[in-house]
Amino acid sequence: MGAGAGCGRLNPVEGVMAETAKAKREMTFFLAGPEQAALRAMASRVPGWLNPNHFTMLGVAGAVGCGVGYALSSFDPDWLWLASFMLVVNWFGDSLDGTLARVRKAERPRYGYYIDHVVDAFATAAIGVGLGLSPYVRLDIALFLVLVYLTLSINVYLESAVFGVFKIAYGRVGPTEARLLLILVNAVLWLSSTLLPGMGNEVRFVANAVVAIASLGMFGMLVIRFGKNLHKLSREEPRKKWRDRHKWRAEEEARKRDDKDDKDD
């Protein structure tokens, strides 16, 4: 590799990745405004010896702790409170790492984009598997929820590459609202297990139904957004008619013949 390879121009693939990492962030979920204001205020008070990577690791620890809390709720429903608390820890670390980098003007767009999404995928799996190991939700239904959520995330990443906009929410629901809904569900499960100890089967049935319906609803949102994206792209890049492609091929062949004749002359 030449000496200038590391400092020359980006190749096309690297160029697309660089533009994707710098895609405009579009926050449309309910709590976006107050959340961003709170995060900026907290980031401005973070001690200098802490950096964004510390908060990324904190977010991972929160996700793993949440999964552990769900799994341990098989022994005692009080562990659901640990799951809820660790969801807050996950939000704090996951949300503050990027905000801290932006407040300090220390962004690393491609590095941050890559590590953030790998970590998010792991965190989603950790929480989902823990939920499936709890006594409330079947593992197959919990894994289906994880699959749908990760597919929604992949669609967001592809949109940022294709449209140059990183739209993290579906409708008015984003990751923060999803965490709050989980905390609410945890509280309901704890109350049901504590106040209605003889109705465990009914509680499990309702919990599985809620998770299954939520998964199907998320899948429906994905289908709708996928359709809108295809419609938009089909307008921006209309499909060529067959005769147009045939005409183009004939023109290419004629050009090649002309080039060959010029060389012969």
Protein backbone atom coordinates (compact mmCIF):
# COMPACT_ATOMS: atom_id res chain seq x y z
CA MET A 1 0.00 0.00 0.00
CA GLY A 2 1.33 3.41 -0.96
CA ALA A 3 2.41 5.91 1.63
CA GLY A 4 -0.45 8.24 0.71
CA ALA A 5 -3.18 5.61 1.00
CA GLY A 6 -4.14 6.56 4.52
CA CYS A 7 -4.34 10.30 3.81
CA GLY A 8 -5.64 10.40 0.22
CA ARG A 9 -9.18 10.63 -0.99
CA LEU A 10 -11.78 8.25 0.36
CA ASN A 11 -12.80 5.50 -2.02
CA PRO A 12 -16.51 5.41 -3.01
CA VAL A 13 -17.49 2.98 -0.25
CA GLU A 14 -15.65 5.01 2.41
CA GLY A 15 -17.23 8.16 1.02
CA VAL A 16 -20.74 6.75 1.39
CA MET A 17 -19.96 5.61 4.92
CA ALA A 18 -18.60 9.02 5.83
CA GLU A 19 -21.73 10.75 4.51
CA THR A 20 -23.95 8.21 6.29
CA ALA A 21 -22.21 8.84 9.60
CA LYS A 22 -22.81 12.59 9.14
CA ALA A 23 -26.48 12.18 8.19
CA LYS A 24 -28.81 14.80 9.64
CA ARG A 25 -30.44 13.60 12.87
CA GLU A 26 -34.22 14.00 12.79
CA MET A 27 -35.83 13.64 16.22
CA THR A 28 -39.63 13.42 15.98
CA PHE A 29 -40.53 11.37 19.04
CA PHE A 30 -42.65 12.82 21.86
CA LEU A 31 -39.88 13.44 24.38
CA ALA A 32 -37.18 14.57 21.93
CA GLY A 33 -37.23 18.24 22.95
CA PRO A 34 -37.06 17.95 26.75
CA GLU A 35 -34.77 14.93 26.54
CA GLN A 36 -32.20 16.74 24.39
CA ALA A 37 -32.28 19.79 26.67
CA ALA A 38 -31.75 17.62 29.75
CA LEU A 39 -28.93 15.66 28.11
CA ARG A 40 -27.09 18.82 27.05
CA ALA A 41 -27.40 20.20 30.58
CA MET A 42 -26.01 16.98 32.07
CA ALA A 43 -23.24 16.72 29.48
CA SER A 44 -22.00 20.22 30.31
CA ARG A 45 -21.53 19.11 33.92
CA VAL A 46 -19.69 15.84 33.25
CA PRO A 47 -16.15 15.81 34.78
CA GLY A 48 -13.35 16.10 32.25
CA TRP A 49 -11.85 12.71 33.11
CA LEU A 50 -14.99 10.99 31.80
CA ASN A 51 -15.30 10.54 28.03
CA PRO A 52 -18.08 9.25 25.72
CA ASN A 53 -16.67 5.69 25.76
CA HIS A 54 -17.29 5.51 29.50
CA PHE A 55 -20.97 6.25 28.95
CA THR A 56 -21.17 3.75 26.09
CA MET A 57 -19.90 1.04 28.45
CA LEU A 58 -22.37 2.23 31.10
CA GLY A 59 -25.20 1.81 28.61
CA VAL A 60 -24.07 -1.75 27.85
CA ALA A 61 -23.92 -2.53 31.56
CA GLY A 62 -27.45 -1.18 31.93
CA ALA A 63 -28.76 -3.43 29.15
CA VAL A 64 -27.06 -6.52 30.58
CA GLY A 65 -28.30 -5.65 34.07
CA CYS A 66 -31.84 -5.26 32.74
CA GLY A 67 -31.67 -8.70 31.13
CA VAL A 68 -30.33 -10.20 34.36
CA GLY A 69 -33.14 -8.56 36.33
CA TYR A 70 -35.73 -10.06 34.01
CA ALA A 71 -34.16 -13.52 34.25
CA LEU A 72 -33.96 -13.36 38.07
CA SER A 73 -37.63 -12.41 38.29
CA SER A 74 -38.26 -16.15 37.86
CA PHE A 75 -37.25 -16.43 41.52
CA ASP A 76 -38.79 -13.25 42.87
CA PRO A 77 -40.86 -10.54 41.08
CA ASP A 78 -38.96 -7.89 43.07
CA TRP A 79 -36.13 -8.32 40.57
CA LEU A 80 -38.33 -6.50 38.06
CA TRP A 81 -37.37 -3.29 39.89
CA LEU A 82 -33.73 -4.02 39.06
CA ALA A 83 -34.70 -4.47 35.41
CA SER A 84 -36.46 -1.09 35.44
CA PHE A 85 -33.59 0.68 37.19
CA MET A 86 -31.07 -0.75 34.74
CA LEU A 87 -33.23 0.45 31.84
CA VAL A 88 -32.73 3.97 33.23
CA VAL A 89 -28.97 3.31 33.44
CA ASN A 90 -29.04 2.07 29.84
CA TRP A 91 -30.84 5.24 28.72
CA PHE A 92 -28.38 7.45 30.60
CA GLY A 93 -25.29 5.83 29.08
CA ASP A 94 -26.69 5.28 25.61
CA SER A 95 -28.06 8.81 25.29
CA LEU A 96 -25.26 10.75 26.93
CA ASP A 97 -22.26 9.36 25.04
CA GLY A 98 -23.06 11.08 21.74
CA THR A 99 -24.37 14.21 23.44
CA LEU A 100 -21.14 14.55 25.42
CA ALA A 101 -19.07 14.28 22.24
CA ARG A 102 -21.18 16.98 20.54
CA VAL A 103 -21.10 19.33 23.55
CA ARG A 104 -17.29 19.01 23.74
CA LYS A 105 -16.92 19.38 19.94
CA ALA A 106 -15.12 16.04 19.95
CA GLU A 107 -17.28 14.13 17.47
CA ARG A 108 -15.85 11.15 15.62
CA PRO A 109 -18.71 10.56 13.15
CA ARG A 110 -17.70 7.22 11.63
CA TYR A 111 -16.31 5.80 14.88
CA GLY A 112 -19.36 6.88 16.83
CA TYR A 113 -21.81 5.68 14.18
CA TYR A 114 -20.21 2.25 14.06
CA ILE A 115 -19.79 1.58 17.76
CA ASP A 116 -23.16 3.07 18.68
CA HIS A 117 -25.12 0.76 16.40
CA VAL A 118 -23.16 -2.37 17.26
CA VAL A 119 -23.69 -1.65 20.95
CA ASP A 120 -27.40 -0.91 20.39
CA ALA A 121 -27.86 -4.28 18.68
CA PHE A 122 -26.17 -6.09 21.56
CA ALA A 123 -28.20 -4.15 24.14
CA THR A 124 -31.46 -5.00 22.37
CA ALA A 125 -30.55 -8.70 22.31
CA ALA A 126 -29.51 -8.68 25.99
CA ILE A 127 -32.78 -7.10 27.12
CA GLY A 128 -34.89 -9.31 24.84
CA VAL A 129 -33.23 -12.57 25.90
CA GLY A 130 -33.60 -11.59 29.56
CA LEU A 131 -37.29 -10.89 28.98
CA GLY A 132 -37.65 -14.31 27.38
CA LEU A 133 -35.99 -15.96 30.40
CA SER A 134 -38.46 -14.31 32.75
CA PRO A 135 -41.59 -16.20 33.85
CA TYR A 136 -43.83 -13.73 32.04
CA VAL A 137 -42.94 -13.90 28.34
CA ARG A 138 -42.11 -16.95 26.24
CA LEU A 139 -38.61 -16.96 24.79
CA ASP A 140 -39.79 -17.36 21.19
CA ILE A 141 -42.11 -14.34 21.48
CA ALA A 142 -39.36 -12.27 23.12
CA LEU A 143 -36.91 -13.20 20.35
CA PHE A 144 -39.50 -12.25 17.73
CA LEU A 145 -39.70 -8.83 19.41
CA VAL A 146 -35.90 -8.55 19.23
CA LEU A 147 -35.93 -9.55 15.55
CA VAL A 148 -38.54 -6.94 14.65
CA TYR A 149 -36.79 -4.20 16.67
CA LEU A 150 -33.44 -4.94 15.04
CA THR A 151 -35.08 -4.91 11.59
CA LEU A 152 -36.56 -1.49 12.37
CA SER A 153 -33.08 -0.33 13.39
CA ILE A 154 -31.49 -1.68 10.21
CA ASN A 155 -34.08 0.19 8.17
CA VAL A 156 -33.13 3.43 9.95
CA TYR A 157 -29.44 2.86 9.15
CA LEU A 158 -30.24 2.19 5.48
CA GLU A 159 -32.38 5.31 5.31
CA SER A 160 -29.50 7.40 6.60
CA ALA A 161 -27.34 6.09 3.74
CA VAL A 162 -29.99 6.47 1.04
CA PHE A 163 -31.70 9.72 2.09
CA GLY A 164 -29.01 11.37 4.23
CA VAL A 165 -31.40 11.67 7.20
CA PHE A 166 -31.09 9.68 10.43
CA LYS A 167 -34.73 9.41 11.53
CA ILE A 168 -34.58 7.40 14.72
CA ALA A 169 -38.31 7.36 15.59
CA TYR A 170 -41.26 5.57 14.02
CA GLY A 171 -44.11 8.03 14.25
CA ARG A 172 -43.82 9.70 17.64
CA VAL A 173 -42.30 6.71 19.42
CA GLY A 174 -38.54 6.44 19.86
CA PRO A 175 -36.16 4.46 22.08
CA THR A 176 -36.86 6.61 25.13
CA GLU A 177 -40.61 6.06 24.89
CA ALA A 178 -39.99 2.33 24.38
CA ARG A 179 -37.96 2.20 27.62
CA LEU A 180 -40.68 4.05 29.52
CA LEU A 181 -43.30 1.62 28.23
CA LEU A 182 -41.14 -1.29 29.40
CA ILE A 183 -40.80 0.27 32.86
CA LEU A 184 -44.58 0.71 33.00
CA VAL A 185 -45.09 -2.92 31.96
CA ASN A 186 -42.61 -4.03 34.64
CA ALA A 187 -44.59 -2.16 37.29
CA VAL A 188 -47.84 -3.75 36.13
CA LEU A 189 -46.24 -7.21 36.14
CA TRP A 190 -44.90 -6.66 39.66
CA LEU A 191 -48.29 -5.49 40.95
CA SER A 192 -50.04 -8.41 39.26
CA SER A 193 -47.59 -10.95 40.69
CA THR A 194 -47.75 -9.41 44.16
CA LEU A 195 -51.47 -8.71 44.47
CA LEU A 196 -52.74 -11.63 42.40
CA PRO A 197 -50.36 -14.48 43.20
CA GLY A 198 -52.94 -17.11 42.24
CA MET A 199 -53.39 -15.80 38.70
CA GLY A 200 -49.93 -16.49 37.31
CA ASN A 201 -51.22 -18.19 34.15
CA GLU A 202 -53.55 -15.31 33.37
CA VAL A 203 -50.76 -12.76 33.92
CA ARG A 204 -48.43 -14.71 31.62
CA PHE A 205 -51.12 -14.98 28.95
CA VAL A 206 -51.74 -11.22 28.99
CA ALA A 207 -47.99 -10.43 28.99
CA ASN A 208 -47.36 -12.69 26.00
CA ALA A 209 -50.34 -11.22 24.16
CA VAL A 210 -49.14 -7.66 24.78
CA VAL A 211 -45.60 -8.42 23.56
CA ALA A 212 -46.90 -10.29 20.50
CA ILE A 213 -49.30 -7.47 19.57
CA ALA A 214 -46.57 -4.87 20.09
CA SER A 215 -44.24 -6.86 17.82
CA LEU A 216 -46.87 -7.12 15.10
CA GLY A 217 -47.60 -3.42 15.42
CA MET A 218 -43.91 -2.60 15.01
CA PHE A 219 -43.74 -4.88 11.99
CA GLY A 220 -46.72 -3.04 10.51
CA MET A 221 -44.94 0.30 10.99
CA LEU A 222 -41.90 -1.14 9.21
CA VAL A 223 -43.99 -2.29 6.24
CA ILE A 224 -45.63 1.13 5.94
CA ARG A 225 -42.33 3.00 6.11
CA PHE A 226 -40.72 0.55 3.68
CA GLY A 227 -43.52 1.19 1.22
CA LYS A 228 -43.19 4.97 1.57
CA ASN A 229 -39.43 4.75 1.05
CA LEU A 230 -39.83 2.65 -2.10
CA HIS A 231 -42.45 5.07 -3.45
CA LYS A 232 -40.13 8.03 -2.84
CA LEU A 233 -37.16 6.28 -4.42
CA SER A 234 -39.19 5.18 -7.44
CA ARG A 235 -40.06 8.83 -8.08
CA GLU A 236 -36.46 9.96 -7.70
CA GLU A 237 -35.09 7.06 -9.78
CA PRO A 238 -37.84 6.07 -12.24
CA ARG A 239 -37.59 2.63 -13.81
CA LYS A 240 -36.42 2.73 -17.41
CA LYS A 241 -38.79 1.32 -19.98
CA TRP A 242 -37.65 -1.71 -21.92
CA ARG A 243 -37.49 0.14 -25.23
CA ASP A 244 -35.36 2.82 -23.59
CA ARG A 245 -32.87 0.19 -22.45
CA HIS A 246 -32.98 -1.39 -25.90
CA LYS A 247 -32.34 2.00 -27.52
CA TRP A 248 -29.45 2.64 -25.14
CA ARG A 249 -27.90 -0.72 -26.02
CA ALA A 250 -28.18 0.04 -29.75
CA GLU A 251 -26.56 3.43 -29.21
CA GLU A 252 -23.72 1.80 -27.26
CA GLU A 253 -23.13 -0.72 -30.03
CA ALA A 254 -23.14 2.06 -32.65
CA ARG A 255 -20.65 4.07 -30.60
CA LYS A 256 -18.35 1.08 -30.30
CA ARG A 257 -18.49 0.55 -34.07
CA ASP A 258 -17.66 4.22 -34.65
CA ASP A 259 -14.72 4.00 -32.26
CA LYS A 260 -13.47 0.91 -34.05
CA ASP A 261 -13.79 2.61 -37.45
CA ASP A 262 -11.87 5.64 -36.16
CA LYS A 263 -9.05 3.40 -34.99
CA ASP A 264 -8.94 1.56 -38.32
CA ASP A 265 -8.70 4.87 -40.15
